[in-house]
Amino acid sequence: MVKVTYIEAIGAEHVVDIRAGFSVMEGAVQNDIPGILADCGGSCACATCRVYVDETWRERTGMPSDMEKSMLDCQDDSDSSVRLACQIRITEALDGLIVRMPQSQL
């Protein structure tokens, strides 16, 4: 199990254990984390699972695909730290990952 910390826009923290192979979005949905809406169920089609990934984790989470980039380009809060949680797969290398949710997903 891999520990991931989700931080809501209001500052509340949720630390959960997620199995390797699941996505950061699936981990949030399975643990009732507020702020991850996941309207499309993880198919990279809605951008309601946006998270901010701290710079120290960006290399380990990987680069967004072209499809993910196009979804992120449609959002007002898009910057280099924003990713879709459905596109980040949990691996042992992500143990301790911290993600933050944008204000727009309250």
PDB file of N, CA and C in Angstrom:
ATOM      1  N   MET A   1       0.835  -1.182   0.000  1.00  0.00           N
ATOM      2  CA  MET A   1       0.000   0.000   0.000  1.00  0.00           C
ATOM      3  C   MET A   1       0.885   1.252   0.000  1.00  0.00           C
ATOM      4  N   VAL A   2       0.404   2.267  -0.678  1.00  0.00           N
ATOM      5  CA  VAL A   2       1.131   3.517  -0.845  1.00  0.00           C
ATOM      6  C   VAL A   2       0.334   4.628  -0.156  1.00  0.00           C
ATOM      7  N   LYS A   3       0.988   5.413   0.667  1.00  0.00           N
ATOM      8  CA  LYS A   3       0.326   6.531   1.351  1.00  0.00           C
ATOM      9  C   LYS A   3       0.282   7.746   0.438  1.00  0.00           C
ATOM     10  N   VAL A   4      -0.917   8.309   0.323  1.00  0.00           N
ATOM     11  CA  VAL A   4      -1.115   9.534  -0.443  1.00  0.00           C
ATOM     12  C   VAL A   4      -1.873  10.512   0.447  1.00  0.00           C
ATOM     13  N   THR A   5      -1.419  11.764   0.454  1.00  0.00           N
ATOM     14  CA  THR A   5      -2.097  12.811   1.203  1.00  0.00           C
ATOM     15  C   THR A   5      -2.816  13.720   0.221  1.00  0.00           C
ATOM     16  N   TYR A   6      -4.120  13.866   0.425  1.00  0.00           N
ATOM     17  CA  TYR A   6      -4.956  14.765  -0.359  1.00  0.00           C
ATOM     18  C   TYR A   6      -5.239  15.977   0.520  1.00  0.00           C
ATOM     19  N   ILE A   7      -5.005  17.164  -0.008  1.00  0.00           N
ATOM     20  CA  ILE A   7      -5.266  18.380   0.749  1.00  0.00           C
ATOM     21  C   ILE A   7      -6.345  19.177   0.018  1.00  0.00           C
ATOM     22  N   GLU A   8      -7.463  19.364   0.702  1.00  0.00           N
ATOM     23  CA  GLU A   8      -8.570  20.122   0.134  1.00  0.00           C
ATOM     24  C   GLU A   8      -8.190  21.591   0.009  1.00  0.00           C
ATOM     25  N   ALA A   9      -8.897  22.328  -0.818  1.00  0.00           N
ATOM     26  CA  ALA A   9      -8.657  23.759  -0.997  1.00  0.00           C
ATOM     27  C   ALA A   9      -8.830  24.520   0.313  1.00  0.00           C
ATOM     28  N   ILE A  10      -9.650  23.994   1.215  1.00  0.00           N
ATOM     29  CA  ILE A  10      -9.864  24.656   2.512  1.00  0.00           C
ATOM     30  C   ILE A  10      -8.797  24.262   3.526  1.00  0.00           C
ATOM     31  N   GLY A  11      -7.883  23.372   3.149  1.00  0.00           N
ATOM     32  CA  GLY A  11      -6.767  22.995   4.010  1.00  0.00           C
ATOM     33  C   GLY A  11      -6.893  21.666   4.729  1.00  0.00           C
ATOM     34  N   ALA A  12      -8.059  21.049   4.708  1.00  0.00           N
ATOM     35  CA  ALA A  12      -8.228  19.751   5.370  1.00  0.00           C
ATOM     36  C   ALA A  12      -7.393  18.685   4.666  1.00  0.00           C
ATOM     37  N   GLU A  13      -6.702  17.866   5.453  1.00  0.00           N
ATOM     38  CA  GLU A  13      -5.840  16.810   4.914  1.00  0.00           C
ATOM     39  C   GLU A  13      -6.465  15.440   5.125  1.00  0.00           C
ATOM     40  N   HIS A  14      -6.277  14.585   4.138  1.00  0.00           N
ATOM     41  CA  HIS A  14      -6.750  13.201   4.195  1.00  0.00           C
ATOM     42  C   HIS A  14      -5.595  12.304   3.760  1.00  0.00           C
ATOM     43  N   VAL A  15      -5.112  11.466   4.659  1.00  0.00           N
ATOM     44  CA  VAL A  15      -4.029  10.534   4.347  1.00  0.00           C
ATOM     45  C   VAL A  15      -4.647   9.156   4.191  1.00  0.00           C
ATOM     46  N   VAL A  16      -4.445   8.545   3.038  1.00  0.00           N
ATOM     47  CA  VAL A  16      -5.033   7.236   2.761  1.00  0.00           C
ATOM     48  C   VAL A  16      -3.989   6.291   2.177  1.00  0.00           C
ATOM     49  N   ASP A  17      -4.250   5.010   2.306  1.00  0.00           N
ATOM     50  CA  ASP A  17      -3.428   3.972   1.692  1.00  0.00           C
ATOM     51  C   ASP A  17      -4.112   3.519   0.414  1.00  0.00           C
ATOM     52  N   ILE A  18      -3.348   3.456  -0.661  1.00  0.00           N
ATOM     53  CA  ILE A  18      -3.877   3.056  -1.967  1.00  0.00           C
ATOM     54  C   ILE A  18      -3.008   1.945  -2.529  1.00  0.00           C
ATOM     55  N   ARG A  19      -3.633   0.983  -3.159  1.00  0.00           N
ATOM     56  CA  ARG A  19      -2.897  -0.109  -3.800  1.00  0.00           C
ATOM     57  C   ARG A  19      -2.204   0.359  -5.052  1.00  0.00           C
ATOM     58  N   ALA A  20      -1.005  -0.147  -5.271  1.00  0.00           N
ATOM     59  CA  ALA A  20      -0.280   0.116  -6.506  1.00  0.00           C
ATOM     60  C   ALA A  20      -1.137  -0.345  -7.678  1.00  0.00           C
ATOM     61  N   GLY A  21      -1.104   0.418  -8.752  1.00  0.00           N
ATOM     62  CA  GLY A  21      -1.893   0.097  -9.938  1.00  0.00           C
ATOM     63  C   GLY A  21      -3.159   0.922 -10.047  1.00  0.00           C
ATOM     64  N   PHE A  22      -3.687   1.394  -8.918  1.00  0.00           N
ATOM     65  CA  PHE A  22      -4.854   2.266  -8.944  1.00  0.00           C
ATOM     66  C   PHE A  22      -4.396   3.671  -9.328  1.00  0.00           C
ATOM     67  N   SER A  23      -5.330   4.522  -9.698  1.00  0.00           N
ATOM     68  CA  SER A  23      -4.990   5.917  -9.976  1.00  0.00           C
ATOM     69  C   SER A  23      -5.198   6.750  -8.715  1.00  0.00           C
ATOM     70  N   VAL A  24      -4.616   7.923  -8.700  1.00  0.00           N
ATOM     71  CA  VAL A  24      -4.815   8.846  -7.587  1.00  0.00           C
ATOM     72  C   VAL A  24      -6.304   9.183  -7.467  1.00  0.00           C
ATOM     73  N   MET A  25      -7.004   9.293  -8.590  1.00  0.00           N
ATOM     74  CA  MET A  25      -8.440   9.552  -8.599  1.00  0.00           C
ATOM     75  C   MET A  25      -9.210   8.394  -7.981  1.00  0.00           C
ATOM     76  N   GLU A  26      -8.890   7.168  -8.369  1.00  0.00           N
ATOM     77  CA  GLU A  26      -9.582   6.003  -7.804  1.00  0.00           C
ATOM     78  C   GLU A  26      -9.384   5.930  -6.293  1.00  0.00           C
ATOM     79  N   GLY A  27      -8.178   6.229  -5.837  1.00  0.00           N
ATOM     80  CA  GLY A  27      -7.912   6.242  -4.408  1.00  0.00           C
ATOM     81  C   GLY A  27      -8.773   7.261  -3.689  1.00  0.00           C
ATOM     82  N   ALA A  28      -8.969   8.423  -4.289  1.00  0.00           N
ATOM     83  CA  ALA A  28      -9.809   9.460  -3.693  1.00  0.00           C
ATOM     84  C   ALA A  28     -11.268   9.033  -3.648  1.00  0.00           C
ATOM     85  N   VAL A  29     -11.769   8.501  -4.752  1.00  0.00           N
ATOM     86  CA  VAL A  29     -13.167   8.089  -4.822  1.00  0.00           C
ATOM     87  C   VAL A  29     -13.441   6.952  -3.827  1.00  0.00           C
ATOM     88  N   GLN A  30     -12.569   5.972  -3.770  1.00  0.00           N
ATOM     89  CA  GLN A  30     -12.756   4.835  -2.864  1.00  0.00           C
ATOM     90  C   GLN A  30     -12.708   5.234  -1.393  1.00  0.00           C
ATOM     91  N   ASN A  31     -12.057   6.361  -1.111  1.00  0.00           N
ATOM     92  CA  ASN A  31     -11.922   6.811   0.274  1.00  0.00           C
ATOM     93  C   ASN A  31     -12.755   8.058   0.572  1.00  0.00           C
ATOM     94  N   ASP A  32     -13.705   8.367  -0.301  1.00  0.00           N
ATOM     95  CA  ASP A  32     -14.628   9.493  -0.104  1.00  0.00           C
ATOM     96  C   ASP A  32     -13.918  10.816   0.169  1.00  0.00           C
ATOM     97  N   ILE A  33     -12.873  11.093  -0.597  1.00  0.00           N
ATOM     98  CA  ILE A  33     -12.128  12.340  -0.446  1.00  0.00           C
ATOM     99  C   ILE A  33     -12.916  13.458  -1.132  1.00  0.00           C
ATOM    100  N   PRO A  34     -13.287  14.500  -0.390  1.00  0.00           N
ATOM    101  CA  PRO A  34     -13.995  15.624  -1.022  1.00  0.00           C
ATOM    102  C   PRO A  34     -13.078  16.375  -1.979  1.00  0.00           C
ATOM    103  N   GLY A  35     -13.652  16.905  -3.048  1.00  0.00           N
ATOM    104  CA  GLY A  35     -12.877  17.717  -3.984  1.00  0.00           C
ATOM    105  C   GLY A  35     -12.407  16.975  -5.212  1.00  0.00           C
ATOM    106  N   ILE A  36     -12.595  15.667  -5.250  1.00  0.00           N
ATOM    107  CA  ILE A  36     -12.296  14.880  -6.453  1.00  0.00           C
ATOM    108  C   ILE A  36     -13.646  14.392  -6.969  1.00  0.00           C
ATOM    109  N   LEU A  37     -14.173  15.080  -7.972  1.00  0.00           N
ATOM    110  CA  LEU A  37     -15.508  14.775  -8.458  1.00  0.00           C
ATOM    111  C   LEU A  37     -15.528  13.561  -9.380  1.00  0.00           C
ATOM    112  N   ALA A  38     -14.546  13.450 -10.259  1.00  0.00           N
ATOM    113  CA  ALA A  38     -14.392  12.292 -11.147  1.00  0.00           C
ATOM    114  C   ALA A  38     -15.656  11.988 -11.950  1.00  0.00           C
ATOM    115  N   ASP A  39     -16.232  13.021 -12.542  1.00  0.00           N
ATOM    116  CA  ASP A  39     -17.478  12.869 -13.292  1.00  0.00           C
ATOM    117  C   ASP A  39     -17.390  11.859 -14.431  1.00  0.00           C
ATOM    118  N   CYS A  40     -16.240  11.745 -15.083  1.00  0.00           N
ATOM    119  CA  CYS A  40     -16.123  10.836 -16.229  1.00  0.00           C
ATOM    120  C   CYS A  40     -15.644   9.445 -15.823  1.00  0.00           C
ATOM    121  N   GLY A  41     -15.401   9.235 -14.548  1.00  0.00           N
ATOM    122  CA  GLY A  41     -14.993   7.913 -14.073  1.00  0.00           C
ATOM    123  C   GLY A  41     -13.552   7.550 -14.374  1.00  0.00           C
ATOM    124  N   GLY A  42     -12.767   8.500 -14.789  1.00  0.00           N
ATOM    125  CA  GLY A  42     -11.349   8.237 -15.018  1.00  0.00           C
ATOM    126  C   GLY A  42     -10.946   8.075 -16.459  1.00  0.00           C
ATOM    127  N   SER A  43     -11.768   8.559 -17.382  1.00  0.00           N
ATOM    128  CA  SER A  43     -11.451   8.391 -18.800  1.00  0.00           C
ATOM    129  C   SER A  43     -10.799   9.622 -19.427  1.00  0.00           C
ATOM    130  N   CYS A  44     -10.310  10.539 -18.598  1.00  0.00           N
ATOM    131  CA  CYS A  44      -9.593  11.727 -19.090  1.00  0.00           C
ATOM    132  C   CYS A  44     -10.495  12.574 -19.982  1.00  0.00           C
ATOM    133  N   ALA A  45     -11.768  12.735 -19.561  1.00  0.00           N
ATOM    134  CA  ALA A  45     -12.713  13.437 -20.406  1.00  0.00           C
ATOM    135  C   ALA A  45     -13.454  14.581 -19.712  1.00  0.00           C
ATOM    136  N   CYS A  46     -13.116  14.892 -18.447  1.00  0.00           N
ATOM    137  CA  CYS A  46     -13.894  15.939 -17.782  1.00  0.00           C
ATOM    138  C   CYS A  46     -13.069  16.929 -16.966  1.00  0.00           C
ATOM    139  N   ALA A  47     -11.908  16.570 -16.528  1.00  0.00           N
ATOM    140  CA  ALA A  47     -11.031  17.442 -15.723  1.00  0.00           C
ATOM    141  C   ALA A  47     -11.613  17.807 -14.370  1.00  0.00           C
ATOM    142  N   THR A  48     -12.505  16.977 -13.823  1.00  0.00           N
ATOM    143  CA  THR A  48     -13.054  17.238 -12.483  1.00  0.00           C
ATOM    144  C   THR A  48     -12.280  16.510 -11.395  1.00  0.00           C
ATOM    145  N   CYS A  49     -11.116  16.011 -11.747  1.00  0.00           N
ATOM    146  CA  CYS A  49     -10.246  15.362 -10.751  1.00  0.00           C
ATOM    147  C   CYS A  49      -8.877  16.036 -10.738  1.00  0.00           C
ATOM    148  N   ARG A  50      -8.869  17.343 -11.072  1.00  0.00           N
ATOM    149  CA  ARG A  50      -7.600  18.064 -11.114  1.00  0.00           C
ATOM    150  C   ARG A  50      -6.956  18.113  -9.733  1.00  0.00           C
ATOM    151  N   VAL A  51      -5.643  17.981  -9.735  1.00  0.00           N
ATOM    152  CA  VAL A  51      -4.857  18.116  -8.508  1.00  0.00           C
ATOM    153  C   VAL A  51      -3.592  18.890  -8.836  1.00  0.00           C
ATOM    154  N   TYR A  52      -3.062  19.558  -7.823  1.00  0.00           N
ATOM    155  CA  TYR A  52      -1.766  20.215  -7.941  1.00  0.00           C
ATOM    156  C   TYR A  52      -0.728  19.273  -7.344  1.00  0.00           C
ATOM    157  N   VAL A  53       0.304  18.990  -8.111  1.00  0.00           N
ATOM    158  CA  VAL A  53       1.380  18.106  -7.678  1.00  0.00           C
ATOM    159  C   VAL A  53       2.602  18.971  -7.379  1.00  0.00           C
ATOM    160  N   ASP A  54       3.107  18.867  -6.150  1.00  0.00           N
ATOM    161  CA  ASP A  54       4.299  19.629  -5.777  1.00  0.00           C
ATOM    162  C   ASP A  54       5.459  19.283  -6.698  1.00  0.00           C
ATOM    163  N   GLU A  55       6.318  20.245  -6.935  1.00  0.00           N
ATOM    164  CA  GLU A  55       7.441  20.081  -7.859  1.00  0.00           C
ATOM    165  C   GLU A  55       8.305  18.866  -7.529  1.00  0.00           C
ATOM    166  N   THR A  56       8.485  18.563  -6.249  1.00  0.00           N
ATOM    167  CA  THR A  56       9.333  17.429  -5.853  1.00  0.00           C
ATOM    168  C   THR A  56       8.772  16.092  -6.324  1.00  0.00           C
ATOM    169  N   TRP A  57       7.496  16.039  -6.643  1.00  0.00           N
ATOM    170  CA  TRP A  57       6.858  14.787  -7.082  1.00  0.00           C
ATOM    171  C   TRP A  57       6.636  14.717  -8.583  1.00  0.00           C
ATOM    172  N   ARG A  58       6.813  15.803  -9.293  1.00  0.00           N
ATOM    173  CA  ARG A  58       6.439  15.840 -10.715  1.00  0.00           C
ATOM    174  C   ARG A  58       7.176  14.817 -11.576  1.00  0.00           C
ATOM    175  N   GLU A  59       8.449  14.641 -11.327  1.00  0.00           N
ATOM    176  CA  GLU A  59       9.197  13.665 -12.129  1.00  0.00           C
ATOM    177  C   GLU A  59       8.670  12.254 -11.889  1.00  0.00           C
ATOM    178  N   ARG A  60       8.350  11.944 -10.645  1.00  0.00           N
ATOM    179  CA  ARG A  60       7.871  10.595 -10.312  1.00  0.00           C
ATOM    180  C   ARG A  60       6.450  10.339 -10.802  1.00  0.00           C
ATOM    181  N   THR A  61       5.631  11.378 -10.899  1.00  0.00           N
ATOM    182  CA  THR A  61       4.269  11.178 -11.393  1.00  0.00           C
ATOM    183  C   THR A  61       4.223  11.104 -12.909  1.00  0.00           C
ATOM    184  N   GLY A  62       5.288  11.536 -13.558  1.00  0.00           N
ATOM    185  CA  GLY A  62       5.355  11.476 -15.016  1.00  0.00           C
ATOM    186  C   GLY A  62       4.782  12.717 -15.669  1.00  0.00           C
ATOM    187  N   MET A  63       4.978  12.776 -16.952  1.00  0.00           N
ATOM    188  CA  MET A  63       4.502  13.904 -17.741  1.00  0.00           C
ATOM    189  C   MET A  63       3.088  13.619 -18.241  1.00  0.00           C
ATOM    190  N   PRO A  64       2.263  14.655 -18.343  1.00  0.00           N
ATOM    191  CA  PRO A  64       0.916  14.446 -18.881  1.00  0.00           C
ATOM    192  C   PRO A  64       0.959  14.084 -20.368  1.00  0.00           C
ATOM    193  N   SER A  65       0.043  13.227 -20.765  1.00  0.00           N
ATOM    194  CA  SER A  65      -0.068  12.866 -22.180  1.00  0.00           C
ATOM    195  C   SER A  65      -0.665  14.042 -22.944  1.00  0.00           C
ATOM    196  N   ASP A  66      -0.650  13.976 -24.262  1.00  0.00           N
ATOM    197  CA  ASP A  66      -1.248  15.031 -25.078  1.00  0.00           C
ATOM    198  C   ASP A  66      -2.740  15.167 -24.790  1.00  0.00           C
ATOM    199  N   MET A  67      -3.416  14.040 -24.579  1.00  0.00           N
ATOM    200  CA  MET A  67      -4.847  14.073 -24.274  1.00  0.00           C
ATOM    201  C   MET A  67      -5.100  14.790 -22.944  1.00  0.00           C
ATOM    202  N   GLU A  68      -4.283  14.458 -21.936  1.00  0.00           N
ATOM    203  CA  GLU A  68      -4.422  15.117 -20.637  1.00  0.00           C
ATOM    204  C   GLU A  68      -4.135  16.607 -20.764  1.00  0.00           C
ATOM    205  N   LYS A  69      -3.102  16.968 -21.501  1.00  0.00           N
ATOM    206  CA  LYS A  69      -2.768  18.383 -21.696  1.00  0.00           C
ATOM    207  C   LYS A  69      -3.934  19.136 -22.324  1.00  0.00           C
ATOM    208  N   SER A  70      -4.597  18.526 -23.302  1.00  0.00           N
ATOM    209  CA  SER A  70      -5.713  19.212 -23.958  1.00  0.00           C
ATOM    210  C   SER A  70      -6.871  19.422 -22.990  1.00  0.00           C
ATOM    211  N   MET A  71      -7.109  18.482 -22.082  1.00  0.00           N
ATOM    212  CA  MET A  71      -8.152  18.662 -21.065  1.00  0.00           C
ATOM    213  C   MET A  71      -7.759  19.771 -20.091  1.00  0.00           C
ATOM    214  N   LEU A  72      -6.514  19.810 -19.704  1.00  0.00           N
ATOM    215  CA  LEU A  72      -6.044  20.825 -18.764  1.00  0.00           C
ATOM    216  C   LEU A  72      -6.034  22.219 -19.373  1.00  0.00           C
ATOM    217  N   ASP A  73      -5.787  22.312 -20.685  1.00  0.00           N
ATOM    218  CA  ASP A  73      -5.760  23.609 -21.364  1.00  0.00           C
ATOM    219  C   ASP A  73      -7.120  24.306 -21.317  1.00  0.00           C
ATOM    220  N   CYS A  74      -8.174  23.552 -21.105  1.00  0.00           N
ATOM    221  CA  CYS A  74      -9.535  24.112 -21.065  1.00  0.00           C
ATOM    222  C   CYS A  74      -9.890  24.690 -19.697  1.00  0.00           C
ATOM    223  N   GLN A  75      -9.009  24.553 -18.712  1.00  0.00           N
ATOM    224  CA  GLN A  75      -9.302  24.979 -17.346  1.00  0.00           C
ATOM    225  C   GLN A  75      -8.661  26.328 -17.024  1.00  0.00           C
ATOM    226  N   ASP A  76      -9.337  27.098 -16.194  1.00  0.00           N
ATOM    227  CA  ASP A  76      -8.834  28.412 -15.797  1.00  0.00           C
ATOM    228  C   ASP A  76      -7.635  28.333 -14.863  1.00  0.00           C
ATOM    229  N   ASP A  77      -7.533  27.253 -14.085  1.00  0.00           N
ATOM    230  CA  ASP A  77      -6.488  27.163 -13.063  1.00  0.00           C
ATOM    231  C   ASP A  77      -5.293  26.330 -13.517  1.00  0.00           C
ATOM    232  N   SER A  78      -5.146  26.192 -14.813  1.00  0.00           N
ATOM    233  CA  SER A  78      -4.092  25.340 -15.341  1.00  0.00           C
ATOM    234  C   SER A  78      -2.711  26.003 -15.215  1.00  0.00           C
ATOM    235  N   ASP A  79      -1.774  25.274 -14.652  1.00  0.00           N
ATOM    236  CA  ASP A  79      -0.365  25.674 -14.632  1.00  0.00           C
ATOM    237  C   ASP A  79       0.469  24.401 -14.643  1.00  0.00           C
ATOM    238  N   SER A  80       1.759  24.529 -14.540  1.00  0.00           N
ATOM    239  CA  SER A  80       2.633  23.360 -14.703  1.00  0.00           C
ATOM    240  C   SER A  80       2.486  22.306 -13.610  1.00  0.00           C
ATOM    241  N   SER A  81       1.851  22.660 -12.498  1.00  0.00           N
ATOM    242  CA  SER A  81       1.706  21.684 -11.417  1.00  0.00           C
ATOM    243  C   SER A  81       0.387  20.924 -11.468  1.00  0.00           C
ATOM    244  N   VAL A  82      -0.517  21.308 -12.368  1.00  0.00           N
ATOM    245  CA  VAL A  82      -1.836  20.674 -12.434  1.00  0.00           C
ATOM    246  C   VAL A  82      -1.765  19.385 -13.242  1.00  0.00           C
ATOM    247  N   ARG A  83      -2.391  18.356 -12.679  1.00  0.00           N
ATOM    248  CA  ARG A  83      -2.523  17.062 -13.368  1.00  0.00           C
ATOM    249  C   ARG A  83      -3.940  16.561 -13.156  1.00  0.00           C
ATOM    250  N   LEU A  84      -4.351  15.629 -13.977  1.00  0.00           N
ATOM    251  CA  LEU A  84      -5.597  14.913 -13.746  1.00  0.00           C
ATOM    252  C   LEU A  84      -5.272  13.704 -12.886  1.00  0.00           C
ATOM    253  N   ALA A  85      -5.946  13.590 -11.749  1.00  0.00           N
ATOM    254  CA  ALA A  85      -5.668  12.498 -10.814  1.00  0.00           C
ATOM    255  C   ALA A  85      -5.947  11.138 -11.447  1.00  0.00           C
ATOM    256  N   CYS A  86      -6.833  11.094 -12.433  1.00  0.00           N
ATOM    257  CA  CYS A  86      -7.133   9.817 -13.094  1.00  0.00           C
ATOM    258  C   CYS A  86      -5.976   9.335 -13.958  1.00  0.00           C
ATOM    259  N   GLN A  87      -5.047  10.231 -14.263  1.00  0.00           N
ATOM    260  CA  GLN A  87      -3.928   9.879 -15.137  1.00  0.00           C
ATOM    261  C   GLN A  87      -2.637   9.601 -14.377  1.00  0.00           C
ATOM    262  N   ILE A  88      -2.676   9.681 -13.063  1.00  0.00           N
ATOM    263  CA  ILE A  88      -1.496   9.375 -12.248  1.00  0.00           C
ATOM    264  C   ILE A  88      -1.687   8.004 -11.629  1.00  0.00           C
ATOM    265  N   ARG A  89      -0.896   7.036 -12.066  1.00  0.00           N
ATOM    266  CA  ARG A  89      -0.962   5.666 -11.546  1.00  0.00           C
ATOM    267  C   ARG A  89      -0.085   5.541 -10.311  1.00  0.00           C
ATOM    268  N   ILE A  90      -0.629   4.902  -9.307  1.00  0.00           N
ATOM    269  CA  ILE A  90       0.092   4.686  -8.049  1.00  0.00           C
ATOM    270  C   ILE A  90       1.142   3.595  -8.240  1.00  0.00           C
ATOM    271  N   THR A  91       2.362   3.934  -7.850  1.00  0.00           N
ATOM    272  CA  THR A  91       3.460   2.965  -7.797  1.00  0.00           C
ATOM    273  C   THR A  91       4.126   3.127  -6.435  1.00  0.00           C
ATOM    274  N   GLU A  92       4.966   2.184  -6.074  1.00  0.00           N
ATOM    275  CA  GLU A  92       5.686   2.276  -4.796  1.00  0.00           C
ATOM    276  C   GLU A  92       6.527   3.550  -4.727  1.00  0.00           C
ATOM    277  N   ALA A  93       6.986   4.046  -5.871  1.00  0.00           N
ATOM    278  CA  ALA A  93       7.796   5.267  -5.910  1.00  0.00           C
ATOM    279  C   ALA A  93       7.002   6.496  -5.484  1.00  0.00           C
ATOM    280  N   LEU A  94       5.674   6.399  -5.440  1.00  0.00           N
ATOM    281  CA  LEU A  94       4.835   7.528  -5.051  1.00  0.00           C
ATOM    282  C   LEU A  94       4.434   7.490  -3.577  1.00  0.00           C
ATOM    283  N   ASP A  95       5.016   6.586  -2.800  1.00  0.00           N
ATOM    284  CA  ASP A  95       4.693   6.522  -1.372  1.00  0.00           C
ATOM    285  C   ASP A  95       5.023   7.863  -0.721  1.00  0.00           C
ATOM    286  N   GLY A  96       4.021   8.501  -0.132  1.00  0.00           N
ATOM    287  CA  GLY A  96       4.192   9.813   0.488  1.00  0.00           C
ATOM    288  C   GLY A  96       3.724  10.964  -0.392  1.00  0.00           C
ATOM    289  N   LEU A  97       3.208  10.665  -1.580  1.00  0.00           N
ATOM    290  CA  LEU A  97       2.738  11.698  -2.505  1.00  0.00           C
ATOM    291  C   LEU A  97       1.747  12.638  -1.819  1.00  0.00           C
ATOM    292  N   ILE A  98       1.879  13.919  -2.118  1.00  0.00           N
ATOM    293  CA  ILE A  98       0.957  14.937  -1.622  1.00  0.00           C
ATOM    294  C   ILE A  98       0.355  15.642  -2.825  1.00  0.00           C
ATOM    295  N   VAL A  99      -0.974  15.691  -2.868  1.00  0.00           N
ATOM    296  CA  VAL A  99      -1.672  16.420  -3.928  1.00  0.00           C
ATOM    297  C   VAL A  99      -2.654  17.390  -3.278  1.00  0.00           C
ATOM    298  N   ARG A 100      -2.867  18.498  -3.952  1.00  0.00           N
ATOM    299  CA  ARG A 100      -3.799  19.527  -3.467  1.00  0.00           C
ATOM    300  C   ARG A 100      -4.901  19.734  -4.492  1.00  0.00           C
ATOM    301  N   MET A 101      -6.118  19.955  -4.000  1.00  0.00           N
ATOM    302  CA  MET A 101      -7.246  20.174  -4.884  1.00  0.00           C
ATOM    303  C   MET A 101      -7.467  21.677  -5.092  1.00  0.00           C
ATOM    304  N   PRO A 102      -7.889  22.069  -6.289  1.00  0.00           N
ATOM    305  CA  PRO A 102      -8.140  23.490  -6.547  1.00  0.00           C
ATOM    306  C   PRO A 102      -9.443  23.970  -5.892  1.00  0.00           C
ATOM    307  N   GLN A 103      -9.508  25.256  -5.670  1.00  0.00           N
ATOM    308  CA  GLN A 103     -10.689  25.898  -5.089  1.00  0.00           C
ATOM    309  C   GLN A 103     -11.934  25.594  -5.914  1.00  0.00           C
ATOM    310  N   SER A 104     -11.778  25.482  -7.224  1.00  0.00           N
ATOM    311  CA  SER A 104     -12.920  25.263  -8.107  1.00  0.00           C
ATOM    312  C   SER A 104     -13.579  23.910  -7.924  1.00  0.00           C
ATOM    313  N   GLN A 105     -12.979  23.013  -7.177  1.00  0.00           N
ATOM    314  CA  GLN A 105     -13.542  21.678  -6.964  1.00  0.00           C
ATOM    315  C   GLN A 105     -14.083  21.506  -5.546  1.00  0.00           C
ATOM    316  N   LEU A 106     -14.477  22.603  -4.916  1.00  0.00           N
ATOM    317  CA  LEU A 106     -15.067  22.497  -3.576  1.00  0.00           C
ATOM    318  C   LEU A 106     -16.440  21.900  -3.632  1.00  0.00           C
TER     319      LEU A 106
END
